[in-house]
Protein backbone atom coordinates (compact mmCIF):
# COMPACT_ATOMS: atom_id res chain seq x y z
CA MET A 1 294.24 -3.11 35.50
CA PRO A 2 293.70 0.71 36.36
CA THR A 3 292.61 1.56 39.85
CA VAL A 4 289.26 3.07 40.50
CA GLY A 5 288.87 6.75 41.35
CA ALA A 6 286.14 7.48 43.97
CA LYS A 7 284.94 10.26 46.29
CA ILE A 8 282.05 10.62 48.75
CA ASP A 9 280.73 14.05 48.85
CA GLY A 10 277.65 14.82 50.97
CA GLY A 11 277.08 11.20 51.66
CA VAL A 12 277.11 10.42 47.75
CA LEU A 13 279.61 8.01 46.40
CA SER A 14 280.89 8.79 42.93
CA ALA A 15 283.35 6.40 41.13
CA ASN A 16 285.03 5.98 37.70
CA THR A 17 287.91 4.22 35.78
CA ALA A 18 290.01 5.06 32.86
CA ILE A 19 288.45 2.28 30.88
CA LYS A 20 284.81 2.87 29.90
CA GLY A 21 282.57 0.13 30.71
CA LEU A 22 284.82 -1.72 33.29
CA PRO A 23 282.54 -2.94 36.02
CA ILE A 24 283.00 -1.24 39.38
CA GLU A 25 281.60 -2.87 42.71
CA TYR A 26 281.59 -1.32 46.28
CA ARG A 27 280.20 -2.38 49.65
CA VAL A 28 279.27 -0.63 52.83
CA ASN A 29 280.07 -1.77 56.32
CA SER A 30 281.61 -4.94 55.16
CA GLY A 31 278.36 -5.98 53.63
CA GLN A 32 277.65 -7.62 50.21
CA TRP A 33 279.37 -6.26 47.28
CA GLN A 34 277.04 -4.26 44.99
CA ALA A 35 277.52 -3.19 41.28
CA TYR A 36 278.06 0.55 41.05
CA LYS A 37 276.00 2.00 38.28
CA GLN A 38 275.64 5.67 38.97
CA PRO A 39 276.23 7.95 42.00
CA VAL A 40 274.63 6.36 45.06
CA LYS A 41 273.74 7.56 48.51
CA VAL A 42 275.87 5.92 51.18
CA ASN A 43 276.23 5.77 54.98
CA GLY A 44 278.99 4.30 56.81
CA VAL A 45 282.37 2.96 55.81
CA VAL A 46 282.68 2.26 52.12
């Protein structure tokens, strides 16, 4: 399984994987996991 590439720039989380269509999830401040579909504004620990 490839790792996910991610960065936060200006409060916006962007992520990708080497395998197109592979689901990515993220969570903020130990909250619920959310499906990543496109760059999203975040605030806190991701």
